[in-house]
PDB file of N, CA and C in Angstrom:
ATOM      1  N   UNK A   1      20.464  -2.142  -3.595  1.00  0.00           N
ATOM      2  CA  UNK A   1      19.504  -1.132  -3.994  1.00  0.00           C
ATOM      3  C   UNK A   1      20.198   0.221  -4.128  1.00  0.00           C
ATOM      4  N   UNK A   2      19.871   0.908  -5.182  1.00  0.00           N
ATOM      5  CA  UNK A   2      20.422   2.237  -5.363  1.00  0.00           C
ATOM      6  C   UNK A   2      19.544   3.273  -4.651  1.00  0.00           C
ATOM      7  N   UNK A   3      19.978   4.520  -4.723  1.00  0.00           N
ATOM      8  CA  UNK A   3      19.261   5.596  -4.020  1.00  0.00           C
ATOM      9  C   UNK A   3      17.826   5.733  -4.508  1.00  0.00           C
ATOM     10  N   UNK A   4      17.646   5.599  -5.804  1.00  0.00           N
ATOM     11  CA  UNK A   4      16.313   5.767  -6.387  1.00  0.00           C
ATOM     12  C   UNK A   4      15.361   4.683  -5.875  1.00  0.00           C
ATOM     13  N   UNK A   5      15.844   3.465  -5.798  1.00  0.00           N
ATOM     14  CA  UNK A   5      15.020   2.355  -5.320  1.00  0.00           C
ATOM     15  C   UNK A   5      14.699   2.532  -3.839  1.00  0.00           C
ATOM     16  N   UNK A   6      15.671   2.979  -3.064  1.00  0.00           N
ATOM     17  CA  UNK A   6      15.443   3.204  -1.627  1.00  0.00           C
ATOM     18  C   UNK A   6      14.387   4.277  -1.416  1.00  0.00           C
ATOM     19  N   UNK A   7      14.457   5.339  -2.205  1.00  0.00           N
ATOM     20  CA  UNK A   7      13.478   6.419  -2.094  1.00  0.00           C
ATOM     21  C   UNK A   7      12.087   5.902  -2.475  1.00  0.00           C
ATOM     22  N   UNK A   8      12.013   5.087  -3.513  1.00  0.00           N
ATOM     23  CA  UNK A   8      10.725   4.534  -3.949  1.00  0.00           C
ATOM     24  C   UNK A   8      10.134   3.634  -2.855  1.00  0.00           C
ATOM     25  N   UNK A   9      10.978   2.833  -2.198  1.00  0.00           N
ATOM     26  CA  UNK A   9      10.520   1.966  -1.111  1.00  0.00           C
ATOM     27  C   UNK A   9       9.981   2.818   0.037  1.00  0.00           C
ATOM     28  N   UNK A  10      10.670   3.902   0.345  1.00  0.00           N
ATOM     29  CA  UNK A  10      10.236   4.800   1.411  1.00  0.00           C
ATOM     30  C   UNK A  10       8.871   5.411   1.083  1.00  0.00           C
ATOM     31  N   UNK A  11       8.694   5.846  -0.153  1.00  0.00           N
ATOM     32  CA  UNK A  11       7.421   6.429  -0.583  1.00  0.00           C
ATOM     33  C   UNK A  11       6.313   5.379  -0.517  1.00  0.00           C
ATOM     34  N   UNK A  12       6.610   4.162  -0.953  1.00  0.00           N
ATOM     35  CA  UNK A  12       5.609   3.098  -0.929  1.00  0.00           C
ATOM     36  C   UNK A  12       5.204   2.734   0.496  1.00  0.00           C
ATOM     37  N   UNK A  13       6.160   2.741   1.409  1.00  0.00           N
ATOM     38  CA  UNK A  13       5.833   2.439   2.808  1.00  0.00           C
ATOM     39  C   UNK A  13       4.894   3.489   3.401  1.00  0.00           C
ATOM     40  N   UNK A  14       5.146   4.758   3.068  1.00  0.00           N
ATOM     41  CA  UNK A  14       4.251   5.819   3.536  1.00  0.00           C
ATOM     42  C   UNK A  14       2.862   5.648   2.928  1.00  0.00           C
ATOM     43  N   UNK A  15       2.821   5.268   1.661  1.00  0.00           N
ATOM     44  CA  UNK A  15       1.539   5.061   0.982  1.00  0.00           C
ATOM     45  C   UNK A  15       0.785   3.897   1.629  1.00  0.00           C
ATOM     46  N   UNK A  16       1.493   2.827   1.961  1.00  0.00           N
ATOM     47  CA  UNK A  16       0.865   1.676   2.600  1.00  0.00           C
ATOM     48  C   UNK A  16       0.289   2.072   3.949  1.00  0.00           C
ATOM     49  N   UNK A  17       1.028   2.868   4.718  1.00  0.00           N
ATOM     50  CA  UNK A  17       0.534   3.323   6.019  1.00  0.00           C
ATOM     51  C   UNK A  17      -0.760   4.116   5.851  1.00  0.00           C
ATOM     52  N   UNK A  18      -0.774   5.012   4.884  1.00  0.00           N
ATOM     53  CA  UNK A  18      -1.967   5.818   4.627  1.00  0.00           C
ATOM     54  C   UNK A  18      -3.134   4.934   4.181  1.00  0.00           C
ATOM     55  N   UNK A  19      -2.856   3.987   3.302  1.00  0.00           N
ATOM     56  CA  UNK A  19      -3.911   3.103   2.807  1.00  0.00           C
ATOM     57  C   UNK A  19      -4.470   2.218   3.925  1.00  0.00           C
ATOM     58  N   UNK A  20      -3.602   1.799   4.844  1.00  0.00           N
ATOM     59  CA  UNK A  20      -4.072   0.975   5.958  1.00  0.00           C
ATOM     60  C   UNK A  20      -5.020   1.765   6.859  1.00  0.00           C
ATOM     61  N   UNK A  21      -4.732   3.039   7.046  1.00  0.00           N
ATOM     62  CA  UNK A  21      -5.620   3.883   7.840  1.00  0.00           C
ATOM     63  C   UNK A  21      -6.967   4.061   7.132  1.00  0.00           C
ATOM     64  N   UNK A  22      -6.909   4.274   5.817  1.00  0.00           N
ATOM     65  CA  UNK A  22      -8.143   4.422   5.048  1.00  0.00           C
ATOM     66  C   UNK A  22      -8.937   3.120   5.047  1.00  0.00           C
ATOM     67  N   UNK A  23      -8.230   2.008   4.973  1.00  0.00           N
ATOM     68  CA  UNK A  23      -8.881   0.704   4.994  1.00  0.00           C
ATOM     69  C   UNK A  23      -9.585   0.476   6.324  1.00  0.00           C
ATOM     70  N   UNK A  24      -8.941   0.836   7.412  1.00  0.00           N
ATOM     71  CA  UNK A  24      -9.553   0.688   8.729  1.00  0.00           C
ATOM     72  C   UNK A  24     -10.827   1.519   8.826  1.00  0.00           C
ATOM     73  N   UNK A  25     -10.786   2.724   8.321  1.00  0.00           N
ATOM     74  CA  UNK A  25     -11.963   3.585   8.318  1.00  0.00           C
ATOM     75  C   UNK A  25     -13.069   3.020   7.439  1.00  0.00           C
ATOM     76  N   UNK A  26     -12.688   2.473   6.295  1.00  0.00           N
ATOM     77  CA  UNK A  26     -13.680   1.901   5.378  1.00  0.00           C
ATOM     78  C   UNK A  26     -14.329   0.662   5.988  1.00  0.00           C
ATOM     79  N   UNK A  27     -13.546  -0.108   6.734  1.00  0.00           N
ATOM     80  CA  UNK A  27     -14.103  -1.307   7.378  1.00  0.00           C
ATOM     81  C   UNK A  27     -15.085  -0.921   8.485  1.00  0.00           C
ATOM     82  N   UNK A  28     -14.824   0.170   9.177  1.00  0.00           N
ATOM     83  CA  UNK A  28     -15.734   0.622  10.224  1.00  0.00           C
ATOM     84  C   UNK A  28     -17.040   1.132   9.612  1.00  0.00           C
ATOM     85  N   UNK A  29     -16.931   1.852   8.514  1.00  0.00           N
ATOM     86  CA  UNK A  29     -18.097   2.473   7.891  1.00  0.00           C
ATOM     87  C   UNK A  29     -18.892   1.466   7.064  1.00  0.00           C
ATOM     88  N   UNK A  30     -18.212   0.696   6.231  1.00  0.00           N
ATOM     89  CA  UNK A  30     -18.795  -0.329   5.362  1.00  0.00           C
ATOM     90  C   UNK A  30     -19.965   0.179   4.519  1.00  0.00           C
ATOM     91  N   UNK A  31     -19.860   1.399   4.013  1.00  0.00           N
ATOM     92  CA  UNK A  31     -20.864   1.912   3.080  1.00  0.00           C
ATOM     93  C   UNK A  31     -20.753   1.200   1.738  1.00  0.00           C
ATOM     94  N   UNK A  32     -19.501   0.998   1.312  1.00  0.00           N
ATOM     95  CA  UNK A  32     -19.244   0.393   0.012  1.00  0.00           C
ATOM     96  C   UNK A  32     -18.233  -0.744   0.177  1.00  0.00           C
ATOM     97  N   UNK A  33     -18.670  -2.000   0.111  1.00  0.00           N
ATOM     98  CA  UNK A  33     -17.737  -3.134   0.268  1.00  0.00           C
ATOM     99  C   UNK A  33     -16.640  -3.143  -0.798  1.00  0.00           C
ATOM    100  N   UNK A  34     -16.925  -2.600  -1.968  1.00  0.00           N
ATOM    101  CA  UNK A  34     -15.928  -2.552  -3.040  1.00  0.00           C
ATOM    102  C   UNK A  34     -14.743  -1.665  -2.645  1.00  0.00           C
ATOM    103  N   UNK A  35     -15.004  -0.638  -1.866  1.00  0.00           N
ATOM    104  CA  UNK A  35     -13.950   0.270  -1.418  1.00  0.00           C
ATOM    105  C   UNK A  35     -12.902  -0.488  -0.588  1.00  0.00           C
ATOM    106  N   UNK A  36     -13.363  -1.398   0.259  1.00  0.00           N
ATOM    107  CA  UNK A  36     -12.455  -2.195   1.078  1.00  0.00           C
ATOM    108  C   UNK A  36     -11.567  -3.047   0.180  1.00  0.00           C
ATOM    109  N   UNK A  37     -12.153  -3.676  -0.833  1.00  0.00           N
ATOM    110  CA  UNK A  37     -11.366  -4.507  -1.757  1.00  0.00           C
ATOM    111  C   UNK A  37     -10.351  -3.674  -2.524  1.00  0.00           C
ATOM    112  N   UNK A  38     -10.728  -2.454  -2.893  1.00  0.00           N
ATOM    113  CA  UNK A  38      -9.801  -1.587  -3.616  1.00  0.00           C
ATOM    114  C   UNK A  38      -8.594  -1.229  -2.752  1.00  0.00           C
ATOM    115  N   UNK A  39      -8.841  -0.873  -1.492  1.00  0.00           N
ATOM    116  CA  UNK A  39      -7.727  -0.549  -0.597  1.00  0.00           C
ATOM    117  C   UNK A  39      -6.824  -1.758  -0.390  1.00  0.00           C
ATOM    118  N   UNK A  40      -7.416  -2.921  -0.205  1.00  0.00           N
ATOM    119  CA  UNK A  40      -6.621  -4.136  -0.018  1.00  0.00           C
ATOM    120  C   UNK A  40      -5.778  -4.429  -1.251  1.00  0.00           C
ATOM    121  N   UNK A  41      -6.338  -4.238  -2.434  1.00  0.00           N
ATOM    122  CA  UNK A  41      -5.610  -4.467  -3.681  1.00  0.00           C
ATOM    123  C   UNK A  41      -4.452  -3.471  -3.828  1.00  0.00           C
ATOM    124  N   UNK A  42      -4.691  -2.210  -3.474  1.00  0.00           N
ATOM    125  CA  UNK A  42      -3.630  -1.204  -3.563  1.00  0.00           C
ATOM    126  C   UNK A  42      -2.505  -1.507  -2.588  1.00  0.00           C
ATOM    127  N   UNK A  43      -2.855  -1.953  -1.391  1.00  0.00           N
ATOM    128  CA  UNK A  43      -1.841  -2.296  -0.388  1.00  0.00           C
ATOM    129  C   UNK A  43      -1.008  -3.473  -0.873  1.00  0.00           C
ATOM    130  N   UNK A  44      -1.647  -4.505  -1.398  1.00  0.00           N
ATOM    131  CA  UNK A  44      -0.898  -5.670  -1.863  1.00  0.00           C
ATOM    132  C   UNK A  44      -0.020  -5.324  -3.069  1.00  0.00           C
ATOM    133  N   UNK A  45      -0.507  -4.456  -3.948  1.00  0.00           N
ATOM    134  CA  UNK A  45       0.299  -4.048  -5.106  1.00  0.00           C
ATOM    135  C   UNK A  45       1.536  -3.272  -4.662  1.00  0.00           C
ATOM    136  N   UNK A  46       1.369  -2.392  -3.703  1.00  0.00           N
ATOM    137  CA  UNK A  46       2.507  -1.617  -3.194  1.00  0.00           C
ATOM    138  C   UNK A  46       3.501  -2.539  -2.500  1.00  0.00           C
ATOM    139  N   UNK A  47       2.999  -3.524  -1.748  1.00  0.00           N
ATOM    140  CA  UNK A  47       3.892  -4.462  -1.062  1.00  0.00           C
ATOM    141  C   UNK A  47       4.664  -5.314  -2.069  1.00  0.00           C
ATOM    142  N   UNK A  48       3.995  -5.725  -3.142  1.00  0.00           N
ATOM    143  CA  UNK A  48       4.674  -6.494  -4.188  1.00  0.00           C
ATOM    144  C   UNK A  48       5.773  -5.676  -4.842  1.00  0.00           C
ATOM    145  N   UNK A  49       5.512  -4.391  -5.067  1.00  0.00           N
ATOM    146  CA  UNK A  49       6.536  -3.532  -5.674  1.00  0.00           C
ATOM    147  C   UNK A  49       7.737  -3.371  -4.751  1.00  0.00           C
ATOM    148  N   UNK A  50       7.479  -3.250  -3.459  1.00  0.00           N
ATOM    149  CA  UNK A  50       8.569  -3.157  -2.482  1.00  0.00           C
ATOM    150  C   UNK A  50       9.400  -4.436  -2.531  1.00  0.00           C
ATOM    151  N   UNK A  51       8.736  -5.583  -2.553  1.00  0.00           N
ATOM    152  CA  UNK A  51       9.455  -6.861  -2.602  1.00  0.00           C
ATOM    153  C   UNK A  51      10.292  -6.972  -3.871  1.00  0.00           C
ATOM    154  N   UNK A  52       9.729  -6.509  -4.995  1.00  0.00           N
ATOM    155  CA  UNK A  52      10.452  -6.575  -6.259  1.00  0.00           C
ATOM    156  C   UNK A  52      11.687  -5.670  -6.226  1.00  0.00           C
ATOM    157  N   UNK A  53      11.528  -4.468  -5.637  1.00  0.00           N
ATOM    158  CA  UNK A  53      12.660  -3.550  -5.557  1.00  0.00           C
ATOM    159  C   UNK A  53      13.755  -4.093  -4.640  1.00  0.00           C
ATOM    160  N   UNK A  54      13.364  -4.736  -3.572  1.00  0.00           N
ATOM    161  CA  UNK A  54      14.351  -5.298  -2.647  1.00  0.00           C
ATOM    162  C   UNK A  54      15.085  -6.473  -3.268  1.00  0.00           C
ATOM    163  N   UNK A  55      14.413  -7.230  -4.124  1.00  0.00           N
ATOM    164  CA  UNK A  55      15.022  -8.400  -4.772  1.00  0.00           C
ATOM    165  C   UNK A  55      16.056  -8.000  -5.827  1.00  0.00           C
ATOM    166  N   UNK A  56      15.880  -6.811  -6.409  1.00  0.00           N
ATOM    167  CA  UNK A  56      16.800  -6.410  -7.487  1.00  0.00           C
ATOM    168  C   UNK A  56      18.042  -5.749  -6.967  1.00  0.00           C
TER     169      UNK A  56
END
């Protein structure tokens, strides 16, 4: 991995941490079930991008 990829992985990890906190809050509140699915989808997309960057 080059510097750019490492930086992108670092940014994605921070984003995942933030999204996990938002997801936990959304699960407690449960005003909008769609919101929970959106956070889960964003987390999985970020994790897939991290995996792709690590593979290259």
